Amino acid sequence: MTTRFTTKDMLDRLRRIDKSGLKARDIMILHTVIDNPGISGIDIAHKLGIPERSHIQSALYRMEALELIEDRRSPEHRRKANPAMFHALPKGRDLWDQIKPCDLSFDL
């Protein structure tokens, strides 16, 4: 059985994204981290079709500051050439649960 995804549902989800202060790219990053625990920044970029990790670095820092994701490398490894290991935090998973689409069919 398919649950209808109404225009109101879509607008409610967009409103939640807007209130969170995130951009569409941030939501794509969050989803990628949730689906791929321990993923590196370069792998996030590649999965999203972004040519360079540097193009998403500020988003990753912002999302860490908002406590949506975290880099689980030890502090002594953060300055070395060890790739990041991003994981979603409860706040990030909760946000995703509020905005994820339940179905791709829209009632327009």
Protein backbone atom coordinates (compact mmCIF):
# COMPACT_ATOMS: atom_id res chain seq x y z
CA MET A 1 0.00 0.00 0.00
CA THR A 2 1.33 3.40 -0.99
CA THR A 3 0.92 6.41 1.28
CA ARG A 4 -0.13 9.56 -0.55
CA PHE A 5 2.37 12.39 -0.35
CA THR A 6 0.32 15.55 -0.65
CA THR A 7 1.40 19.02 -1.64
CA LYS A 8 0.83 20.05 1.98
CA ASP A 9 3.20 17.27 3.13
CA MET A 10 5.85 18.48 0.71
CA LEU A 11 5.43 22.10 1.79
CA ASP A 12 5.61 21.10 5.47
CA ARG A 13 8.89 19.30 4.81
CA LEU A 14 10.30 22.26 2.87
CA ARG A 15 9.29 24.56 5.75
CA ARG A 16 11.19 22.35 8.22
CA ILE A 17 14.27 22.48 5.99
CA ASP A 18 13.99 26.26 5.72
CA LYS A 19 13.58 26.67 9.50
CA SER A 20 16.64 24.50 10.10
CA GLY A 21 18.75 26.97 8.09
CA LEU A 22 19.99 24.25 5.77
CA LYS A 23 20.30 24.27 2.00
CA ALA A 24 19.30 21.55 -0.43
CA ARG A 25 22.94 20.45 -0.71
CA ASP A 26 23.11 20.10 3.10
CA ILE A 27 20.10 17.78 3.05
CA MET A 28 21.73 15.68 0.33
CA ILE A 29 24.90 15.47 2.44
CA LEU A 30 22.91 14.51 5.53
CA HIS A 31 21.14 11.73 3.64
CA THR A 32 24.46 10.46 2.26
CA VAL A 33 26.02 10.37 5.75
CA ILE A 34 22.98 8.56 7.20
CA ASP A 35 23.11 5.95 4.42
CA ASN A 36 26.91 5.56 4.64
CA PRO A 37 28.13 5.75 8.26
CA GLY A 38 31.85 6.47 8.45
CA ILE A 39 31.97 8.00 4.97
CA SER A 40 34.77 10.45 4.13
CA GLY A 41 34.26 13.94 2.76
CA ILE A 42 35.74 12.99 -0.62
CA ASP A 43 33.38 10.01 -0.86
CA ILE A 44 30.40 12.22 -0.01
CA ALA A 45 31.43 14.59 -2.80
CA HIS A 46 31.82 11.73 -5.28
CA LYS A 47 28.44 10.19 -4.39
CA LEU A 48 26.78 13.58 -4.96
CA GLY A 49 28.61 14.20 -8.24
CA ILE A 50 30.63 17.09 -6.78
CA PRO A 51 34.15 17.18 -8.23
CA GLU A 52 36.03 18.36 -5.13
CA ARG A 53 35.62 17.80 -1.40
CA SER A 54 36.49 21.46 -0.89
CA HIS A 55 33.15 22.36 -2.52
CA ILE A 56 31.29 20.84 0.44
CA GLN A 57 33.79 21.49 3.24
CA SER A 58 31.99 24.56 4.63
CA ALA A 59 28.70 22.61 4.64
CA LEU A 60 30.35 19.78 6.58
CA TYR A 61 31.74 22.24 9.15
CA ARG A 62 28.35 23.96 9.47
CA MET A 63 26.54 20.64 9.90
CA GLU A 64 29.04 19.59 12.58
CA ALA A 65 28.49 22.91 14.39
CA LEU A 66 24.71 22.30 14.24
CA GLU A 67 25.33 18.83 15.74
CA LEU A 68 23.73 17.04 12.79
CA ILE A 69 26.87 15.03 11.93
CA GLU A 70 30.23 14.39 13.54
CA ASP A 71 33.70 13.39 12.41
CA ARG A 72 34.73 10.46 14.59
CA ARG A 73 38.46 10.68 13.98
CA SER A 74 40.45 11.09 17.13
CA PRO A 75 41.69 14.66 17.74
CA GLU A 76 45.31 13.69 17.04
CA HIS A 77 44.33 12.34 13.60
CA ARG A 78 42.34 15.38 12.48
CA ARG A 79 45.42 17.33 11.41
CA LYS A 80 47.00 14.43 9.56
CA ALA A 81 46.21 12.99 6.17
CA ASN A 82 43.54 10.66 7.54
CA PRO A 83 40.14 10.86 5.86
CA ALA A 84 37.19 12.03 7.90
CA MET A 85 34.74 9.47 9.25
CA PHE A 86 31.35 11.22 9.24
CA HIS A 87 28.41 9.82 11.18
CA ALA A 88 24.93 11.22 11.70
CA LEU A 89 24.06 12.35 15.20
CA PRO A 90 20.59 11.88 16.75
CA LYS A 91 19.65 15.47 15.88
CA GLY A 92 20.54 14.83 12.21
CA ARG A 93 18.62 11.55 12.09
CA ASP A 94 15.61 13.22 13.74
CA LEU A 95 15.66 16.02 11.17
CA TRP A 96 15.86 13.49 8.33
CA ASP A 97 12.93 11.54 9.78
CA GLN A 98 10.87 14.76 9.74
CA ILE A 99 11.67 15.67 6.13
CA LYS A 100 12.25 12.42 4.27
CA PRO A 101 9.71 11.70 1.56
CA CYS A 102 7.37 8.83 2.30
CA ASP A 103 6.54 8.36 -1.38
CA LEU A 104 7.52 9.92 -4.68
CA SER A 105 3.95 10.42 -5.92
CA PHE A 106 2.59 13.91 -5.34
CA ASP A 107 -1.00 15.06 -5.15
CA LEU A 108 -0.90 18.37 -7.05
